[in-house]
Amino acid sequence: MNTTLRRSDPLEIFSGVLLTMGMHVLAIISGIFIILGSNAVSRWGGWAHTLSSPITYFSILALLLLGLTQFIYVVPLLAWLQEQQKIGQKTGVMFGAMLTVVLNGGYFFWLVMLLR
């Protein structure tokens, strides 16, 4: 296995970053649909009403902590890319994930400083 950089690696790295950002968009959209769905279910009453509030709060927390919750879908993707020997894309996915964690950490630092 040759892990040295090839000429096509910058394009593969960029496609890995785009893949990570696309997965983030899908996670955000699905989180919004879960929040909207659980709020709609809460109007039914009964047992559905007791489940809708924790689901809503968990979904909002998951959206706010996207830097941490991304590992649910990034780690299996990294394992699959390693298995397929797509080292450039794997590097791009790792870069995109680290970028998300850093930006999310900066957001929370800003929020803590704002609320202080």
C-alpha atoms as a PDB file:
ATOM      1  CA  MET A   1       0.000   0.000   0.000  1.00  0.00           C
ATOM      2  CA  ASN A   2       1.502   3.290  -1.092  1.00  0.00           C
ATOM      3  CA  THR A   3       0.573   6.156   1.235  1.00  0.00           C
ATOM      4  CA  THR A   4       2.673   8.843  -0.454  1.00  0.00           C
ATOM      5  CA  LEU A   5       0.837  11.780  -1.980  1.00  0.00           C
ATOM      6  CA  ARG A   6      -0.033  11.378  -5.627  1.00  0.00           C
ATOM      7  CA  ARG A   7      -1.061  14.026  -8.097  1.00  0.00           C
ATOM      8  CA  SER A   8      -4.785  13.213  -7.684  1.00  0.00           C
ATOM      9  CA  ASP A   9      -4.689  13.389  -3.881  1.00  0.00           C
ATOM     10  CA  PRO A  10      -5.719  17.083  -3.550  1.00  0.00           C
ATOM     11  CA  LEU A  11      -8.899  16.326  -5.501  1.00  0.00           C
ATOM     12  CA  GLU A  12      -9.558  13.208  -3.421  1.00  0.00           C
ATOM     13  CA  ILE A  13      -8.982  15.150  -0.192  1.00  0.00           C
ATOM     14  CA  PHE A  14     -11.377  17.858  -1.355  1.00  0.00           C
ATOM     15  CA  SER A  15     -14.003  15.249  -2.239  1.00  0.00           C
ATOM     16  CA  GLY A  16     -13.601  13.771   1.263  1.00  0.00           C
ATOM     17  CA  VAL A  17     -14.206  17.184   2.847  1.00  0.00           C
ATOM     18  CA  LEU A  18     -17.272  17.667   0.643  1.00  0.00           C
ATOM     19  CA  LEU A  19     -18.510  14.202   1.615  1.00  0.00           C
ATOM     20  CA  THR A  20     -18.203  15.108   5.295  1.00  0.00           C
ATOM     21  CA  MET A  21     -20.029  18.408   4.844  1.00  0.00           C
ATOM     22  CA  GLY A  22     -22.771  16.686   2.843  1.00  0.00           C
ATOM     23  CA  MET A  23     -23.248  14.187   5.645  1.00  0.00           C
ATOM     24  CA  HIS A  24     -23.493  17.089   8.107  1.00  0.00           C
ATOM     25  CA  VAL A  25     -26.233  18.653   5.990  1.00  0.00           C
ATOM     26  CA  LEU A  26     -28.139  15.346   5.979  1.00  0.00           C
ATOM     27  CA  ALA A  27     -27.715  15.049   9.769  1.00  0.00           C
ATOM     28  CA  ILE A  28     -29.030  18.580  10.289  1.00  0.00           C
ATOM     29  CA  ILE A  29     -32.013  18.008   7.990  1.00  0.00           C
ATOM     30  CA  SER A  30     -32.872  14.715   9.671  1.00  0.00           C
ATOM     31  CA  GLY A  31     -32.542  16.358  13.111  1.00  0.00           C
ATOM     32  CA  ILE A  32     -34.953  19.094  12.082  1.00  0.00           C
ATOM     33  CA  PHE A  33     -37.439  16.515  10.789  1.00  0.00           C
ATOM     34  CA  ILE A  34     -37.154  14.547  14.039  1.00  0.00           C
ATOM     35  CA  ILE A  35     -37.853  17.703  16.050  1.00  0.00           C
ATOM     36  CA  LEU A  36     -40.830  18.626  13.871  1.00  0.00           C
ATOM     37  CA  GLY A  37     -42.142  15.051  13.923  1.00  0.00           C
ATOM     38  CA  SER A  38     -41.855  14.704  17.673  1.00  0.00           C
ATOM     39  CA  ASN A  39     -43.671  17.998  18.153  1.00  0.00           C
ATOM     40  CA  ALA A  40     -46.452  16.815  15.843  1.00  0.00           C
ATOM     41  CA  VAL A  41     -46.687  13.508  17.728  1.00  0.00           C
ATOM     42  CA  SER A  42     -46.904  15.349  21.054  1.00  0.00           C
ATOM     43  CA  ARG A  43     -50.284  16.732  20.004  1.00  0.00           C
ATOM     44  CA  TRP A  44     -51.696  13.189  19.879  1.00  0.00           C
ATOM     45  CA  GLY A  45     -51.427  12.848  23.647  1.00  0.00           C
ATOM     46  CA  GLY A  46     -51.016   9.634  25.627  1.00  0.00           C
ATOM     47  CA  TRP A  47     -47.703   7.763  25.551  1.00  0.00           C
ATOM     48  CA  ALA A  48     -46.545   9.668  22.478  1.00  0.00           C
ATOM     49  CA  HIS A  49     -46.747  12.899  24.443  1.00  0.00           C
ATOM     50  CA  THR A  50     -44.404  11.555  27.128  1.00  0.00           C
ATOM     51  CA  LEU A  51     -41.778  10.542  24.539  1.00  0.00           C
ATOM     52  CA  SER A  52     -41.886  13.669  22.378  1.00  0.00           C
ATOM     53  CA  SER A  53     -40.289  16.056  24.855  1.00  0.00           C
ATOM     54  CA  PRO A  54     -37.087  14.003  25.483  1.00  0.00           C
ATOM     55  CA  ILE A  55     -36.742  13.287  21.763  1.00  0.00           C
ATOM     56  CA  THR A  56     -37.035  16.984  20.974  1.00  0.00           C
ATOM     57  CA  TYR A  57     -34.477  17.994  23.597  1.00  0.00           C
ATOM     58  CA  PHE A  58     -32.059  15.244  22.543  1.00  0.00           C
ATOM     59  CA  SER A  59     -32.377  16.253  18.877  1.00  0.00           C
ATOM     60  CA  ILE A  60     -31.735  19.912  19.659  1.00  0.00           C
ATOM     61  CA  LEU A  61     -28.704  18.948  21.759  1.00  0.00           C
ATOM     62  CA  ALA A  62     -27.435  16.686  18.967  1.00  0.00           C
ATOM     63  CA  LEU A  63     -27.747  19.525  16.455  1.00  0.00           C
ATOM     64  CA  LEU A  64     -25.894  21.898  18.768  1.00  0.00           C
ATOM     65  CA  LEU A  65     -23.165  19.349  19.415  1.00  0.00           C
ATOM     66  CA  LEU A  66     -22.669  18.404  15.768  1.00  0.00           C
ATOM     67  CA  GLY A  67     -18.914  18.257  16.351  1.00  0.00           C
ATOM     68  CA  LEU A  68     -19.406  15.370  18.784  1.00  0.00           C
ATOM     69  CA  THR A  69     -22.376  13.605  17.219  1.00  0.00           C
ATOM     70  CA  GLN A  70     -20.666  13.464  13.828  1.00  0.00           C
ATOM     71  CA  PHE A  71     -18.589  10.522  15.044  1.00  0.00           C
ATOM     72  CA  ILE A  72     -21.701   8.339  14.775  1.00  0.00           C
ATOM     73  CA  TYR A  73     -21.441   8.492  10.996  1.00  0.00           C
ATOM     74  CA  VAL A  74     -17.820   9.565  10.411  1.00  0.00           C
ATOM     75  CA  VAL A  75     -16.110   6.616  12.125  1.00  0.00           C
ATOM     76  CA  PRO A  76     -17.903   3.938  10.023  1.00  0.00           C
ATOM     77  CA  LEU A  77     -17.193   5.998   6.899  1.00  0.00           C
ATOM     78  CA  LEU A  78     -13.494   6.142   7.784  1.00  0.00           C
ATOM     79  CA  ALA A  79     -13.421   2.382   8.318  1.00  0.00           C
ATOM     80  CA  TRP A  80     -15.112   1.823   4.959  1.00  0.00           C
ATOM     81  CA  LEU A  81     -12.716   4.191   3.163  1.00  0.00           C
ATOM     82  CA  GLN A  82      -9.758   2.402   4.779  1.00  0.00           C
ATOM     83  CA  GLU A  83     -11.150  -0.920   3.581  1.00  0.00           C
ATOM     84  CA  GLN A  84     -11.541   0.484   0.060  1.00  0.00           C
ATOM     85  CA  GLN A  85      -7.980   1.897   0.275  1.00  0.00           C
ATOM     86  CA  LYS A  86      -9.138   5.422  -0.566  1.00  0.00           C
ATOM     87  CA  ILE A  87      -6.504   7.171   1.509  1.00  0.00           C
ATOM     88  CA  GLY A  88      -7.033  10.621  -0.047  1.00  0.00           C
ATOM     89  CA  GLN A  89     -10.756  10.658   0.671  1.00  0.00           C
ATOM     90  CA  LYS A  90     -10.140   9.290   4.165  1.00  0.00           C
ATOM     91  CA  THR A  91      -7.737  12.165   4.813  1.00  0.00           C
ATOM     92  CA  GLY A  92     -10.350  14.636   3.549  1.00  0.00           C
ATOM     93  CA  VAL A  93     -13.068  13.154   5.760  1.00  0.00           C
ATOM     94  CA  MET A  94     -10.766  13.382   8.790  1.00  0.00           C
ATOM     95  CA  PHE A  95      -9.901  16.984   7.913  1.00  0.00           C
ATOM     96  CA  GLY A  96     -13.587  17.879   7.522  1.00  0.00           C
ATOM     97  CA  ALA A  97     -14.433  16.218  10.844  1.00  0.00           C
ATOM     98  CA  MET A  98     -11.634  18.053  12.653  1.00  0.00           C
ATOM     99  CA  LEU A  99     -12.707  21.330  11.042  1.00  0.00           C
ATOM    100  CA  THR A 100     -16.246  20.743  12.308  1.00  0.00           C
ATOM    101  CA  VAL A 101     -15.016  20.044  15.850  1.00  0.00           C
ATOM    102  CA  VAL A 102     -12.850  23.188  15.858  1.00  0.00           C
ATOM    103  CA  LEU A 103     -15.651  25.402  14.504  1.00  0.00           C
ATOM    104  CA  ASN A 104     -18.141  23.898  16.946  1.00  0.00           C
ATOM    105  CA  GLY A 105     -15.716  24.493  19.829  1.00  0.00           C
ATOM    106  CA  GLY A 106     -15.259  28.087  18.713  1.00  0.00           C
ATOM    107  CA  TYR A 107     -19.024  28.527  18.621  1.00  0.00           C
ATOM    108  CA  PHE A 108     -19.393  27.266  22.186  1.00  0.00           C
ATOM    109  CA  PHE A 109     -16.491  29.399  23.394  1.00  0.00           C
ATOM    110  CA  TRP A 110     -18.168  32.447  21.833  1.00  0.00           C
ATOM    111  CA  LEU A 111     -21.502  31.463  23.383  1.00  0.00           C
ATOM    112  CA  VAL A 112     -19.970  31.055  26.858  1.00  0.00           C
ATOM    113  CA  MET A 113     -18.222  34.413  26.576  1.00  0.00           C
ATOM    114  CA  LEU A 114     -21.471  36.022  25.406  1.00  0.00           C
ATOM    115  CA  LEU A 115     -23.508  34.609  28.287  1.00  0.00           C
ATOM    116  CA  ARG A 116     -20.890  35.449  30.905  1.00  0.00           C
END
